[in-house]
């Protein structure tokens, strides 16, 4: 669906609106599929949680062992999802076929889908209207901000083609979005960090929290 909606946009780098459309396709894809992962995992975790509480009360389950198993089992499934999605959509959108750029694309897609899955396992996704106003401004605390930074920079951060305004794609990315190619390693580390953070929070929550207590 996303491949047909944004057909061959990745190869167009002569106008600003082309970049907006291509980056918009990245954002729409990771947000749609990420939220889908986050919400579809919750009913499964909810059913399994009943068994977990019963077995833990009987002293049969270790909370950390259970959490480790839950986290680990998602890794190959999400990887398969990311590979299938990336190969199909990357080709249809028309991004540049170089090994490095494709692997970066796959990397950010994989860890984004993974942290969304763990985010769903942590609990319910809070809608924007429920978030206190002092949290709205914490842009850099949002994993999606880092994902978009990484995806956009890995695909357009080093392109020297000139836009209709006269500036290069690389200059536009830096001046308009603040996306810099030299920070892609840092961005990659932060995305991995979010993935690990959500997995650890899930594990600690399983160990410490028990909503069956009266």
Protein backbone atom coordinates (compact mmCIF):
# COMPACT_ATOMS: atom_id res chain seq x y z
CA UNK A 1 0.00 0.00 0.00
CA UNK A 2 2.71 2.48 0.99
CA UNK A 3 4.82 1.49 -2.01
CA UNK A 4 2.00 2.29 -4.43
CA UNK A 5 1.04 5.50 -2.62
CA UNK A 6 4.59 6.86 -2.78
CA UNK A 7 5.71 5.18 -5.99
CA UNK A 8 9.25 6.22 -7.06
CA UNK A 9 9.35 9.28 -4.77
CA UNK A 10 12.76 8.36 -3.40
CA UNK A 11 14.50 8.97 -6.72
CA UNK A 12 13.18 12.54 -7.03
CA UNK A 13 15.52 15.02 -5.38
CA UNK A 14 15.22 18.20 -7.44
CA UNK A 15 12.42 19.94 -5.54
CA UNK A 16 11.73 20.56 -1.88
CA UNK A 17 8.26 19.07 -2.08
CA UNK A 18 9.77 15.82 -3.39
CA UNK A 19 11.84 15.54 -0.21
CA UNK A 20 8.81 16.38 1.93
CA UNK A 21 6.81 13.65 0.20
CA UNK A 22 9.58 11.05 0.54
CA UNK A 23 10.20 11.81 4.21
CA UNK A 24 6.44 11.84 4.76
CA UNK A 25 6.27 8.34 3.33
CA UNK A 26 8.88 7.20 5.87
CA UNK A 27 7.00 8.79 8.75
CA UNK A 28 3.62 7.42 7.67
CA UNK A 29 4.98 3.91 7.25
CA UNK A 30 6.78 3.61 10.59
CA UNK A 31 3.95 5.27 12.49
CA UNK A 32 1.22 3.11 10.93
CA UNK A 33 3.06 -0.20 11.24
CA UNK A 34 4.62 0.72 14.58
CA UNK A 35 1.27 1.54 16.19
CA UNK A 36 -0.15 -1.63 14.65
CA UNK A 37 2.61 -3.66 16.31
CA UNK A 38 2.07 -1.83 19.57
CA UNK A 39 -1.67 -2.44 19.68
CA UNK A 40 -1.81 -6.00 18.31
CA UNK A 41 0.71 -7.29 20.85
CA UNK A 42 -1.38 -6.05 23.79
CA UNK A 43 -4.22 -8.64 23.62
CA UNK A 44 -1.63 -11.43 23.47
CA UNK A 45 0.28 -10.07 26.45
CA UNK A 46 -3.00 -9.54 28.33
CA UNK A 47 -4.05 -13.18 27.95
CA UNK A 48 -0.61 -14.46 28.92
CA UNK A 49 -0.48 -12.10 31.91
CA UNK A 50 -3.32 -14.00 33.61
CA UNK A 51 -1.33 -17.23 33.47
CA UNK A 52 1.81 -15.42 34.58
CA UNK A 53 0.16 -13.96 37.68
CA UNK A 54 -1.22 -17.35 38.66
CA UNK A 55 2.10 -19.13 38.21
CA UNK A 56 4.08 -16.39 39.92
CA UNK A 57 1.74 -16.53 42.92
CA UNK A 58 2.49 -20.26 43.12
CA UNK A 59 6.22 -19.55 42.97
CA UNK A 60 6.60 -21.31 39.62
CA UNK A 61 7.65 -18.38 37.41
CA UNK A 62 10.63 -16.08 37.61
CA UNK A 63 9.51 -12.63 36.48
CA UNK A 64 12.79 -11.81 34.75
CA UNK A 65 12.95 -15.17 32.98
CA UNK A 66 9.39 -14.67 31.75
CA UNK A 67 10.17 -11.14 30.59
CA UNK A 68 13.35 -12.29 28.83
CA UNK A 69 11.40 -14.97 26.97
CA UNK A 70 8.69 -12.49 25.98
CA UNK A 71 11.23 -9.97 24.72
CA UNK A 72 13.35 -12.54 22.89
CA UNK A 73 10.50 -14.25 21.05
CA UNK A 74 9.57 -10.98 19.34
CA UNK A 75 13.05 -10.43 17.86
CA UNK A 76 12.96 -12.91 14.93
CA UNK A 77 9.31 -12.21 14.15
CA UNK A 78 9.83 -8.45 13.97
CA UNK A 79 13.03 -8.96 11.96
CA UNK A 80 11.13 -10.98 9.36
CA UNK A 81 8.47 -8.28 9.25
CA UNK A 82 11.08 -5.55 8.78
CA UNK A 83 12.95 -7.43 6.03
CA UNK A 84 9.81 -8.21 4.02
CA UNK A 85 8.53 -4.66 4.38
CA UNK A 86 11.87 -3.00 3.60
CA UNK A 87 12.69 -5.03 0.49
CA UNK A 88 9.28 -4.42 -1.08
CA UNK A 89 8.73 -0.78 -0.11
CA UNK A 90 12.35 0.33 -0.60
CA UNK A 91 12.20 -0.85 -4.22
CA UNK A 92 8.76 0.62 -4.90
CA UNK A 93 9.52 4.03 -3.42
CA UNK A 94 12.72 4.09 -5.47
CA UNK A 95 15.40 4.90 -2.93
CA UNK A 96 18.99 4.62 -4.12
CA UNK A 97 20.08 0.97 -4.31
CA UNK A 98 23.35 0.95 -2.41
CA UNK A 99 24.11 -1.65 0.23
CA UNK A 100 24.88 0.92 2.93
CA UNK A 101 21.69 2.93 2.41
CA UNK A 102 19.48 -0.15 2.28
CA UNK A 103 21.05 -1.60 5.43
CA UNK A 104 20.57 1.71 7.25
CA UNK A 105 16.94 1.74 6.11
CA UNK A 106 16.45 -1.84 7.30
CA UNK A 107 18.25 -1.09 10.57
CA UNK A 108 16.00 1.85 11.47
CA UNK A 109 12.85 0.04 10.38
CA UNK A 110 13.73 -3.06 12.39
CA UNK A 111 14.53 -1.32 15.66
CA UNK A 112 11.57 1.03 15.26
CA UNK A 113 9.14 -1.86 14.83
CA UNK A 114 10.85 -3.60 17.75
CA UNK A 115 10.63 -0.67 20.15
CA UNK A 116 6.99 -0.11 19.19
CA UNK A 117 6.31 -3.77 20.00
CA UNK A 118 8.02 -3.47 23.40
CA UNK A 119 6.25 -0.16 23.94
CA UNK A 120 2.94 -1.96 23.49
CA UNK A 121 4.05 -4.70 25.89
CA UNK A 122 4.71 -2.00 28.51
CA UNK A 123 1.03 -1.03 28.60
CA UNK A 124 -1.55 1.05 26.83
CA UNK A 125 -0.59 3.79 24.39
CA UNK A 126 -1.61 7.14 25.91
CA UNK A 127 -3.39 9.44 23.41
CA UNK A 128 -2.11 12.97 22.90
CA UNK A 129 -5.07 14.55 24.67
CA UNK A 130 -4.14 12.67 27.85
CA UNK A 131 -0.51 13.80 27.92
CA UNK A 132 0.19 16.71 30.32
CA UNK A 133 1.18 19.90 28.54
CA UNK A 134 4.67 19.98 30.06
CA UNK A 135 5.49 16.69 28.33
CA UNK A 136 4.39 17.78 24.84
CA UNK A 137 7.49 19.87 24.35
CA UNK A 138 9.93 17.06 24.99
CA UNK A 139 10.52 16.42 21.32
CA UNK A 140 13.77 14.59 21.81
CA UNK A 141 12.19 12.20 24.24
CA UNK A 142 10.03 10.90 21.38
CA UNK A 143 11.50 7.79 19.71
CA UNK A 144 9.77 8.66 16.43
CA UNK A 145 11.74 11.90 16.22
CA UNK A 146 14.97 9.92 16.27
CA UNK A 147 13.65 7.35 13.81
CA UNK A 148 12.68 10.02 11.30
CA UNK A 149 16.07 11.70 11.81
CA UNK A 150 17.86 8.43 11.04
CA UNK A 151 15.71 7.42 8.08
CA UNK A 152 15.78 10.82 6.40
CA UNK A 153 19.49 11.39 6.99
CA UNK A 154 20.54 7.94 5.84
CA UNK A 155 18.74 8.42 2.52
CA UNK A 156 19.19 12.12 1.78
CA UNK A 157 21.88 13.41 4.13
CA UNK A 158 24.75 13.01 1.64
CA UNK A 159 23.03 13.86 -1.66
CA UNK A 160 24.66 16.75 -3.51
CA UNK A 161 21.93 17.23 -6.14
CA UNK A 162 20.73 20.82 -6.29
CA UNK A 163 17.16 21.80 -5.51
CA UNK A 164 15.28 24.44 -7.48
CA UNK A 165 16.34 26.96 -4.82
CA UNK A 166 20.01 26.39 -5.62
CA UNK A 167 20.98 24.66 -2.39
CA UNK A 168 21.97 21.02 -2.29
CA UNK A 169 19.78 18.33 -0.78
CA UNK A 170 22.32 17.90 2.02
CA UNK A 171 22.27 21.64 2.80
CA UNK A 172 18.47 21.71 2.79
CA UNK A 173 18.29 18.76 5.18
CA UNK A 174 20.65 20.52 7.58
CA UNK A 175 19.19 24.03 7.29
CA UNK A 176 15.49 23.14 7.29
CA UNK A 177 15.27 20.03 9.43
CA UNK A 178 18.55 20.22 11.35
CA UNK A 179 19.40 16.69 10.16
CA UNK A 180 23.16 16.20 9.91
CA UNK A 181 24.82 13.19 8.29
CA UNK A 182 27.69 13.12 10.79
CA UNK A 183 25.27 12.40 13.65
CA UNK A 184 23.76 9.27 12.12
CA UNK A 185 25.87 7.06 14.38
CA UNK A 186 24.53 8.87 17.46
CA UNK A 187 20.98 8.60 16.15
CA UNK A 188 21.44 4.88 15.56
CA UNK A 189 22.68 4.44 19.13
CA UNK A 190 19.67 6.33 20.52
CA UNK A 191 17.21 4.19 18.53
CA UNK A 192 18.87 1.05 19.88
CA UNK A 193 18.80 2.65 23.33
CA UNK A 194 15.04 3.20 23.15
CA UNK A 195 14.58 -0.43 22.15
CA UNK A 196 16.61 -1.66 25.12
CA UNK A 197 14.95 0.84 27.47
CA UNK A 198 11.44 -0.34 26.63
CA UNK A 199 12.47 -3.98 26.95
CA UNK A 200 14.04 -3.32 30.38
CA UNK A 201 11.00 -1.34 31.60
CA UNK A 202 8.76 -4.23 30.54
CA UNK A 203 10.96 -6.69 32.43
CA UNK A 204 11.09 -4.57 35.60
CA UNK A 205 7.34 -3.92 35.47
CA UNK A 206 6.65 -7.64 35.28
CA UNK A 207 8.90 -8.16 38.28
CA UNK A 208 7.70 -5.29 40.48
CA UNK A 209 4.08 -4.54 39.57
CA UNK A 210 1.10 -6.71 40.39
CA UNK A 211 -2.32 -5.27 39.62
CA UNK A 212 -4.07 -8.19 41.28
CA UNK A 213 -3.21 -6.86 44.73
CA UNK A 214 -6.11 -5.36 46.64
